[in-house]
Structures are given as C-alpha cells and as structure tokens.
Amino acid sequence: MLLPPAPSPWFFRFGAVCGMLSGLLIALPGAIEAFTGETTATSFVLGVSPAFATPLLVALHLRQHRDAGRAGAIAYAVNLIGLGLFGGAAFTLNMALFGLDDATLDEVLTGTTRVALLGSALVFAVGTVLFGLSMVRTGLFPKAPSWGYAVMLGALALLGPLPDSVFTSLVHVVAGASVAWLSLSLWGWIRSVGTVVHDGSATSVSMPWRSTHRRKMPRAVAGTGRDSSHV
C-alpha cells in the first residue's frame, strides 16, 4: 500500500519554534496585565499569538496521528477549524476594536457579531478539549501540558467576554506555559529520533515511521530464472 510521504523534520522544528513563540505571546502579556491591566502593547501581542499556534497544532497532530486514530483526527479537525475562527476573532478584538470606547463597542458587538464571536470561542474550546484529551490518551506528550492544553486554552476562549482580572491573567499564563511546554517536548522528540546520515553531498534524516523494508521483487524474474527476492 502506498503511503503519503513523511513530513520533513524541518516542519516539526518549525512547528515547535512557532509554538514556543505562541506560548510566550500568550503567557507574558497575561502576566503583565495582572499588574497593568490591558494595554495597547499586550493587546497587540495577544492578537498575533494564534497565528503561531497553527503550525504547532499541525505538527502535534502529525506526531501522534497514527496512535490517535479516527477520534484523534476528528479532534484535530475541530481544533483546527476552531483555531482559525477564534484566531480571527482574537485578532479583530485585540487589534481593530481595542481602541474603541465602551459605547461604540456595545453598539458594534451586538446581534450576529456577538453570536459569531461566541460561536468561534465555543468551537475553539470544544476543539482544544478534544485534541488535548487525544494527547493525554496517546501518551506521546507530557501529561501536564496536555491537560493544560485541554483545560486552559478552552477556558481562555470562554473567559474572553469577562472583565480582565488576576484570574484571567493566571489562565493566560498557564495556557501559554502549556503551549510552550508541548513545543519544547516536540523539539526534543525530533532531535532524539532524527538520525542524520551523510552520504557525501546529500544529507537525509531517517524518521521512525519511515519503512525500512524495501519491496521484494517476484521470486523469478521473467527470462532470467534468478531469485531476486533480495535485490
């Protein structure tokens, strides 16, 4: 059976680096806002953080998809769609609407706009819970950040409509730390399993899911009668 090509180790490193950035961009503003409240700078940083989470999510799924099964694939799909929706909502709220006064915000965030924002947060929360639980079930990532991903990222989305407080800042810190921890785990894994083979001018990396068995030829090659099973 033909299998799709294995992802490049470069992509896993890229996903891990993006995940570390996303975790920091969630945790650091949350810690700062516990003392200063929401500012233009922290709002900007939080607005761009979901963009760096997307490559991490894809890399995490590729790392565990064989062990996660169909349920893991469904969890990944819901999480990916939710991240796209919630990332757009977070960008809009933290970038475009941050400077508006309360009266204007109340006028803008009504009707279908409010329904769309709450719906995106709900889909994202459900996706993070499902995908976080799939990581807990496969056991390929540390349990603590896997649970943190499942619980705290969903809470982060659902607490969005509430006023900023020390509690919401704490949720940001723990959620960001969980994302960064998973990224570090992914980075450590790709470093440990990548076997670099130098063959002069080219360098290849052997990944654990690549098949090491070459396809056998028919035992008798037409016209030669040779046993070529070990060609």
C-alpha atoms as a PDB file:
ATOM      1  CA  MET A   1       0.000   0.000   0.000  1.00  0.00           C
ATOM      2  CA  LEU A   2       1.329   3.396  -0.942  1.00  0.00           C
ATOM      3  CA  LEU A   3       1.712   5.794   1.988  1.00  0.00           C
ATOM      4  CA  PRO A   4       1.902   9.590   1.831  1.00  0.00           C
ATOM      5  CA  PRO A   5       5.437  10.942   2.198  1.00  0.00           C
ATOM      6  CA  ALA A   6       6.587  11.524   5.759  1.00  0.00           C
ATOM      7  CA  PRO A   7       6.750  15.177   6.830  1.00  0.00           C
ATOM      8  CA  SER A   8      10.128  16.833   6.731  1.00  0.00           C
ATOM      9  CA  PRO A   9      11.893  17.117  10.102  1.00  0.00           C
ATOM     10  CA  TRP A  10      12.202  20.807   9.265  1.00  0.00           C
ATOM     11  CA  PHE A  11       8.444  21.193   9.574  1.00  0.00           C
ATOM     12  CA  PHE A  12       8.415  19.731  13.088  1.00  0.00           C
ATOM     13  CA  ARG A  13      11.155  22.158  14.115  1.00  0.00           C
ATOM     14  CA  PHE A  14       9.223  24.999  12.511  1.00  0.00           C
ATOM     15  CA  GLY A  15       6.063  23.977  14.379  1.00  0.00           C
ATOM     16  CA  ALA A  16       7.958  23.734  17.668  1.00  0.00           C
ATOM     17  CA  VAL A  17       9.520  27.189  17.270  1.00  0.00           C
ATOM     18  CA  CYS A  18       6.179  28.733  16.315  1.00  0.00           C
ATOM     19  CA  GLY A  19       4.582  27.030  19.310  1.00  0.00           C
ATOM     20  CA  MET A  20       7.189  28.435  21.678  1.00  0.00           C
ATOM     21  CA  LEU A  21       6.524  31.903  20.292  1.00  0.00           C
ATOM     22  CA  SER A  22       2.774  31.430  20.624  1.00  0.00           C
ATOM     23  CA  GLY A  23       3.117  30.255  24.221  1.00  0.00           C
ATOM     24  CA  LEU A  24       5.277  33.226  25.141  1.00  0.00           C
ATOM     25  CA  LEU A  25       2.930  35.643  23.373  1.00  0.00           C
ATOM     26  CA  ILE A  26       0.064  34.281  25.477  1.00  0.00           C
ATOM     27  CA  ALA A  27       1.795  33.941  28.840  1.00  0.00           C
ATOM     28  CA  LEU A  28       3.859  37.137  29.005  1.00  0.00           C
ATOM     29  CA  PRO A  29       1.032  39.598  28.264  1.00  0.00           C
ATOM     30  CA  GLY A  30      -1.153  37.711  30.729  1.00  0.00           C
ATOM     31  CA  ALA A  31       1.464  38.107  33.456  1.00  0.00           C
ATOM     32  CA  ILE A  32       1.949  41.790  32.661  1.00  0.00           C
ATOM     33  CA  GLU A  33      -1.775  42.551  32.580  1.00  0.00           C
ATOM     34  CA  ALA A  34      -2.136  41.214  36.116  1.00  0.00           C
ATOM     35  CA  PHE A  35      -0.332  44.400  37.229  1.00  0.00           C
ATOM     36  CA  THR A  36      -1.036  46.927  34.459  1.00  0.00           C
ATOM     37  CA  GLY A  37      -4.363  45.896  33.009  1.00  0.00           C
ATOM     38  CA  GLU A  38      -4.856  45.577  29.274  1.00  0.00           C
ATOM     39  CA  THR A  39      -2.610  47.871  27.245  1.00  0.00           C
ATOM     40  CA  THR A  40      -2.127  48.540  23.549  1.00  0.00           C
ATOM     41  CA  ALA A  41       1.117  46.544  23.548  1.00  0.00           C
ATOM     42  CA  THR A  42      -0.255  43.481  25.359  1.00  0.00           C
ATOM     43  CA  SER A  43      -3.397  43.531  23.239  1.00  0.00           C
ATOM     44  CA  PHE A  44      -1.314  43.590  20.049  1.00  0.00           C
ATOM     45  CA  VAL A  45       0.826  40.653  21.200  1.00  0.00           C
ATOM     46  CA  LEU A  46      -2.207  38.565  22.159  1.00  0.00           C
ATOM     47  CA  GLY A  47      -3.810  39.355  18.813  1.00  0.00           C
ATOM     48  CA  VAL A  48      -0.992  37.787  16.798  1.00  0.00           C
ATOM     49  CA  SER A  49      -0.401  34.757  19.059  1.00  0.00           C
ATOM     50  CA  PRO A  50      -2.951  32.423  17.342  1.00  0.00           C
ATOM     51  CA  ALA A  51      -1.108  32.742  14.028  1.00  0.00           C
ATOM     52  CA  PHE A  52       1.927  30.983  15.532  1.00  0.00           C
ATOM     53  CA  ALA A  53      -0.238  28.286  17.132  1.00  0.00           C
ATOM     54  CA  THR A  54      -1.424  26.878  13.799  1.00  0.00           C
ATOM     55  CA  PRO A  55       1.910  25.310  12.694  1.00  0.00           C
ATOM     56  CA  LEU A  56       2.284  23.816  16.171  1.00  0.00           C
ATOM     57  CA  LEU A  57      -1.163  22.214  16.032  1.00  0.00           C
ATOM     58  CA  VAL A  58      -0.409  20.621  12.656  1.00  0.00           C
ATOM     59  CA  ALA A  59       2.956  19.320  13.904  1.00  0.00           C
ATOM     60  CA  LEU A  60       1.419  17.897  17.096  1.00  0.00           C
ATOM     61  CA  HIS A  61      -1.191  16.053  15.040  1.00  0.00           C
ATOM     62  CA  LEU A  62       1.401  14.642  12.636  1.00  0.00           C
ATOM     63  CA  ARG A  63       3.421  13.451  15.620  1.00  0.00           C
ATOM     64  CA  GLN A  64       0.566  11.408  17.080  1.00  0.00           C
ATOM     65  CA  HIS A  65      -1.873  10.730  14.235  1.00  0.00           C
ATOM     66  CA  ARG A  66      -1.035   7.008  13.930  1.00  0.00           C
ATOM     67  CA  ASP A  67      -1.678   6.452  17.647  1.00  0.00           C
ATOM     68  CA  ALA A  68      -4.628   8.851  17.960  1.00  0.00           C
ATOM     69  CA  GLY A  69      -6.799   7.049  15.407  1.00  0.00           C
ATOM     70  CA  ARG A  70     -10.068   8.357  13.987  1.00  0.00           C
ATOM     71  CA  ALA A  71     -11.059  10.104  17.220  1.00  0.00           C
ATOM     72  CA  GLY A  72      -7.765  11.992  17.218  1.00  0.00           C
ATOM     73  CA  ALA A  73      -8.286  13.010  13.591  1.00  0.00           C
ATOM     74  CA  ILE A  74     -11.758  14.365  14.387  1.00  0.00           C
ATOM     75  CA  ALA A  75     -10.380  16.236  17.406  1.00  0.00           C
ATOM     76  CA  TYR A  76      -7.656  17.739  15.236  1.00  0.00           C
ATOM     77  CA  ALA A  77     -10.165  18.834  12.588  1.00  0.00           C
ATOM     78  CA  VAL A  78     -12.413  20.539  15.142  1.00  0.00           C
ATOM     79  CA  ASN A  79      -9.427  22.180  16.830  1.00  0.00           C
ATOM     80  CA  LEU A  80      -8.002  23.417  13.535  1.00  0.00           C
ATOM     81  CA  ILE A  81     -11.300  24.955  12.438  1.00  0.00           C
ATOM     82  CA  GLY A  82     -11.845  26.445  15.881  1.00  0.00           C
ATOM     83  CA  LEU A  83      -8.353  27.917  15.925  1.00  0.00           C
ATOM     84  CA  GLY A  84      -8.985  29.591  12.586  1.00  0.00           C
ATOM     85  CA  LEU A  85     -12.286  31.055  13.777  1.00  0.00           C
ATOM     86  CA  PHE A  86     -11.093  32.113  17.214  1.00  0.00           C
ATOM     87  CA  GLY A  87      -7.786  33.417  15.866  1.00  0.00           C
ATOM     88  CA  GLY A  88      -9.684  35.749  13.546  1.00  0.00           C
ATOM     89  CA  ALA A  89     -11.935  36.867  16.380  1.00  0.00           C
ATOM     90  CA  ALA A  90      -8.986  37.477  18.720  1.00  0.00           C
ATOM     91  CA  PHE A  91      -7.160  39.447  16.036  1.00  0.00           C
ATOM     92  CA  THR A  92     -10.210  41.630  15.436  1.00  0.00           C
ATOM     93  CA  LEU A  93     -10.930  42.252  19.108  1.00  0.00           C
ATOM     94  CA  ASN A  94      -7.332  42.955  20.097  1.00  0.00           C
ATOM     95  CA  MET A  95      -6.303  44.922  17.016  1.00  0.00           C
ATOM     96  CA  ALA A  96      -9.244  46.601  15.319  1.00  0.00           C
ATOM     97  CA  LEU A  97     -11.616  47.151  18.240  1.00  0.00           C
ATOM     98  CA  PHE A  98      -9.235  47.710  21.153  1.00  0.00           C
ATOM     99  CA  GLY A  99      -9.126  51.494  20.855  1.00  0.00           C
ATOM    100  CA  LEU A 100     -12.883  51.989  20.660  1.00  0.00           C
ATOM    101  CA  ASP A 101     -14.792  53.436  23.595  1.00  0.00           C
ATOM    102  CA  ASP A 102     -17.263  51.320  25.536  1.00  0.00           C
ATOM    103  CA  ALA A 103     -20.347  52.857  23.962  1.00  0.00           C
ATOM    104  CA  THR A 104     -19.102  52.136  20.439  1.00  0.00           C
ATOM    105  CA  LEU A 105     -18.082  48.603  21.403  1.00  0.00           C
ATOM    106  CA  ASP A 106     -21.530  47.917  22.836  1.00  0.00           C
ATOM    107  CA  GLU A 107     -23.052  49.095  19.561  1.00  0.00           C
ATOM    108  CA  VAL A 108     -20.677  47.026  17.394  1.00  0.00           C
ATOM    109  CA  LEU A 109     -20.713  43.823  19.405  1.00  0.00           C
ATOM    110  CA  THR A 110     -24.406  43.079  19.153  1.00  0.00           C
ATOM    111  CA  GLY A 111     -26.634  40.795  17.134  1.00  0.00           C
ATOM    112  CA  THR A 112     -24.929  38.478  14.671  1.00  0.00           C
ATOM    113  CA  THR A 113     -21.494  39.866  15.534  1.00  0.00           C
ATOM    114  CA  ARG A 114     -21.805  38.724  19.143  1.00  0.00           C
ATOM    115  CA  VAL A 115     -23.200  35.350  18.047  1.00  0.00           C
ATOM    116  CA  ALA A 116     -20.291  34.866  15.643  1.00  0.00           C
ATOM    117  CA  LEU A 117     -17.688  35.736  18.292  1.00  0.00           C
ATOM    118  CA  LEU A 118     -19.254  33.482  20.912  1.00  0.00           C
ATOM    119  CA  GLY A 119     -19.658  30.692  18.367  1.00  0.00           C
ATOM    120  CA  SER A 120     -15.988  30.864  17.378  1.00  0.00           C
ATOM    121  CA  ALA A 121     -14.961  30.707  21.050  1.00  0.00           C
ATOM    122  CA  LEU A 122     -17.211  27.685  21.616  1.00  0.00           C
ATOM    123  CA  VAL A 123     -15.872  25.751  18.613  1.00  0.00           C
ATOM    124  CA  PHE A 124     -12.307  26.546  19.681  1.00  0.00           C
ATOM    125  CA  ALA A 125     -12.981  25.451  23.263  1.00  0.00           C
ATOM    126  CA  VAL A 126     -14.520  22.149  22.148  1.00  0.00           C
ATOM    127  CA  GLY A 127     -11.626  21.531  19.750  1.00  0.00           C
ATOM    128  CA  THR A 128      -8.942  22.192  22.354  1.00  0.00           C
ATOM    129  CA  VAL A 129     -10.631  19.897  24.867  1.00  0.00           C
ATOM    130  CA  LEU A 130     -10.939  17.073  22.334  1.00  0.00           C
ATOM    131  CA  PHE A 131      -7.403  17.439  20.990  1.00  0.00           C
ATOM    132  CA  GLY A 132      -5.919  17.840  24.457  1.00  0.00           C
ATOM    133  CA  LEU A 133      -7.647  14.642  25.570  1.00  0.00           C
ATOM    134  CA  SER A 134      -6.308  12.841  22.495  1.00  0.00           C
ATOM    135  CA  MET A 135      -2.761  13.857  23.512  1.00  0.00           C
ATOM    136  CA  VAL A 136      -3.419  12.590  27.034  1.00  0.00           C
ATOM    137  CA  ARG A 137      -4.715   9.290  25.627  1.00  0.00           C
ATOM    138  CA  THR A 138      -1.794   8.635  23.285  1.00  0.00           C
ATOM    139  CA  GLY A 139       0.763   9.481  25.983  1.00  0.00           C
ATOM    140  CA  LEU A 140       3.266  10.782  23.424  1.00  0.00           C
ATOM    141  CA  PHE A 141       3.472  14.171  25.118  1.00  0.00           C
ATOM    142  CA  PRO A 142       3.904  15.074  28.803  1.00  0.00           C
ATOM    143  CA  LYS A 143       0.646  14.747  30.713  1.00  0.00           C
ATOM    144  CA  ALA A 144       0.731  18.125  32.495  1.00  0.00           C
ATOM    145  CA  PRO A 145       0.844  20.366  29.381  1.00  0.00           C
ATOM    146  CA  SER A 146      -1.568  18.038  27.568  1.00  0.00           C
ATOM    147  CA  TRP A 147      -4.122  18.575  30.328  1.00  0.00           C
ATOM    148  CA  GLY A 148      -3.236  22.264  30.380  1.00  0.00           C
ATOM    149  CA  TYR A 149      -3.930  22.440  26.647  1.00  0.00           C
ATOM    150  CA  ALA A 150      -7.282  20.707  27.081  1.00  0.00           C
ATOM    151  CA  VAL A 151      -8.477  22.766  30.031  1.00  0.00           C
ATOM    152  CA  MET A 152      -6.768  26.154  29.996  1.00  0.00           C
ATOM    153  CA  LEU A 153      -6.965  27.019  26.301  1.00  0.00           C
ATOM    154  CA  GLY A 154     -10.681  26.288  26.299  1.00  0.00           C
ATOM    155  CA  ALA A 155     -11.095  28.370  29.437  1.00  0.00           C
ATOM    156  CA  LEU A 156      -9.109  31.157  27.785  1.00  0.00           C
ATOM    157  CA  ALA A 157     -11.657  31.359  24.992  1.00  0.00           C
ATOM    158  CA  LEU A 158     -14.733  31.131  27.198  1.00  0.00           C
ATOM    159  CA  LEU A 159     -13.445  33.761  29.666  1.00  0.00           C
ATOM    160  CA  GLY A 160     -12.918  36.279  26.867  1.00  0.00           C
ATOM    161  CA  PRO A 161     -16.196  38.206  27.440  1.00  0.00           C
ATOM    162  CA  LEU A 162     -15.433  38.647  31.154  1.00  0.00           C
ATOM    163  CA  PRO A 163     -13.577  41.679  32.547  1.00  0.00           C
ATOM    164  CA  ASP A 164      -9.819  41.329  32.974  1.00  0.00           C
ATOM    165  CA  SER A 165      -8.755  40.132  36.418  1.00  0.00           C
ATOM    166  CA  VAL A 166      -5.947  38.332  38.200  1.00  0.00           C
ATOM    167  CA  PHE A 167      -7.751  35.060  37.486  1.00  0.00           C
ATOM    168  CA  THR A 168      -7.931  35.644  33.721  1.00  0.00           C
ATOM    169  CA  SER A 169      -4.259  36.633  33.762  1.00  0.00           C
ATOM    170  CA  LEU A 170      -3.432  33.371  35.553  1.00  0.00           C
ATOM    171  CA  VAL A 171      -5.344  31.406  32.918  1.00  0.00           C
ATOM    172  CA  HIS A 172      -3.300  33.160  30.198  1.00  0.00           C
ATOM    173  CA  VAL A 173      -0.044  32.289  31.953  1.00  0.00           C
ATOM    174  CA  VAL A 174      -0.892  28.615  32.462  1.00  0.00           C
ATOM    175  CA  ALA A 175      -2.292  28.246  28.946  1.00  0.00           C
ATOM    176  CA  GLY A 176       0.782  29.860  27.398  1.00  0.00           C
ATOM    177  CA  ALA A 177       3.102  27.753  29.542  1.00  0.00           C
ATOM    178  CA  SER A 178       1.294  24.586  28.414  1.00  0.00           C
ATOM    179  CA  VAL A 179       1.690  25.519  24.748  1.00  0.00           C
ATOM    180  CA  ALA A 180       5.384  26.317  25.216  1.00  0.00           C
ATOM    181  CA  TRP A 181       5.957  23.051  27.130  1.00  0.00           C
ATOM    182  CA  LEU A 182       4.355  20.986  24.363  1.00  0.00           C
ATOM    183  CA  SER A 183       6.547  22.816  21.847  1.00  0.00           C
ATOM    184  CA  LEU A 184       9.688  22.010  23.819  1.00  0.00           C
ATOM    185  CA  SER A 185       8.593  18.369  24.022  1.00  0.00           C
ATOM    186  CA  LEU A 186       8.112  18.276  20.244  1.00  0.00           C
ATOM    187  CA  TRP A 187      11.540  19.861  19.715  1.00  0.00           C
ATOM    188  CA  GLY A 188      13.184  17.321  21.995  1.00  0.00           C
ATOM    189  CA  TRP A 189      11.463  14.443  20.210  1.00  0.00           C
ATOM    190  CA  ILE A 190      12.544  15.470  16.728  1.00  0.00           C
ATOM    191  CA  ARG A 191      16.113  15.899  17.932  1.00  0.00           C
ATOM    192  CA  SER A 192      16.136  12.472  19.564  1.00  0.00           C
ATOM    193  CA  VAL A 193      14.690  10.487  16.644  1.00  0.00           C
ATOM    194  CA  GLY A 194      16.369  12.242  13.722  1.00  0.00           C
ATOM    195  CA  THR A 195      19.257  10.081  12.516  1.00  0.00           C
ATOM    196  CA  VAL A 196      21.455  12.095  10.220  1.00  0.00           C
ATOM    197  CA  VAL A 197      23.130  10.092   7.501  1.00  0.00           C
ATOM    198  CA  HIS A 198      25.862  11.785   5.489  1.00  0.00           C
ATOM    199  CA  ASP A 199      26.475  10.306   2.065  1.00  0.00           C
ATOM    200  CA  GLY A 200      28.912  12.813   0.684  1.00  0.00           C
ATOM    201  CA  SER A 201      26.955  15.643  -0.891  1.00  0.00           C
ATOM    202  CA  ALA A 202      23.487  14.782   0.453  1.00  0.00           C
ATOM    203  CA  THR A 203      22.057  14.542   3.939  1.00  0.00           C
ATOM    204  CA  SER A 204      18.935  12.560   4.778  1.00  0.00           C
ATOM    205  CA  VAL A 205      17.036  12.151   8.015  1.00  0.00           C
ATOM    206  CA  SER A 206      15.533   8.813   8.954  1.00  0.00           C
ATOM    207  CA  MET A 207      12.217   9.177  10.791  1.00  0.00           C
ATOM    208  CA  PRO A 208      10.772   6.356  12.893  1.00  0.00           C
ATOM    209  CA  TRP A 209       7.627   5.883  10.800  1.00  0.00           C
ATOM    210  CA  ARG A 210       9.507   5.566   7.502  1.00  0.00           C
ATOM    211  CA  SER A 211       9.537   1.977   6.307  1.00  0.00           C
ATOM    212  CA  THR A 212      12.989   0.432   6.289  1.00  0.00           C
ATOM    213  CA  HIS A 213      11.923  -2.595   4.260  1.00  0.00           C
ATOM    214  CA  ARG A 214      12.361  -2.474   0.518  1.00  0.00           C
ATOM    215  CA  ARG A 215       9.654  -4.021  -1.624  1.00  0.00           C
ATOM    216  CA  LYS A 216      10.599  -7.542  -2.725  1.00  0.00           C
ATOM    217  CA  MET A 217      10.693  -8.450  -6.394  1.00  0.00           C
ATOM    218  CA  PRO A 218       8.968 -11.611  -7.663  1.00  0.00           C
ATOM    219  CA  ARG A 219      10.972 -14.693  -6.881  1.00  0.00           C
ATOM    220  CA  ALA A 220      11.537 -15.479 -10.521  1.00  0.00           C
ATOM    221  CA  VAL A 221      12.339 -12.630 -12.857  1.00  0.00           C
ATOM    222  CA  ALA A 222      10.937 -13.397 -16.282  1.00  0.00           C
ATOM    223  CA  GLY A 223      13.593 -14.559 -18.687  1.00  0.00           C
ATOM    224  CA  THR A 224      16.348 -14.941 -16.039  1.00  0.00           C
ATOM    225  CA  GLY A 225      15.142 -17.540 -13.571  1.00  0.00           C
ATOM    226  CA  ARG A 226      17.186 -15.736 -10.837  1.00  0.00           C
ATOM    227  CA  ASP A 227      15.968 -15.465  -7.299  1.00  0.00           C
ATOM    228  CA  SER A 228      15.832 -11.706  -6.864  1.00  0.00           C
ATOM    229  CA  SER A 229      13.972 -11.513  -3.580  1.00  0.00           C
ATOM    230  CA  HIS A 230      16.930  -9.720  -2.020  1.00  0.00           C
ATOM    231  CA  VAL A 231      17.553  -7.202  -4.782  1.00  0.00           C
END
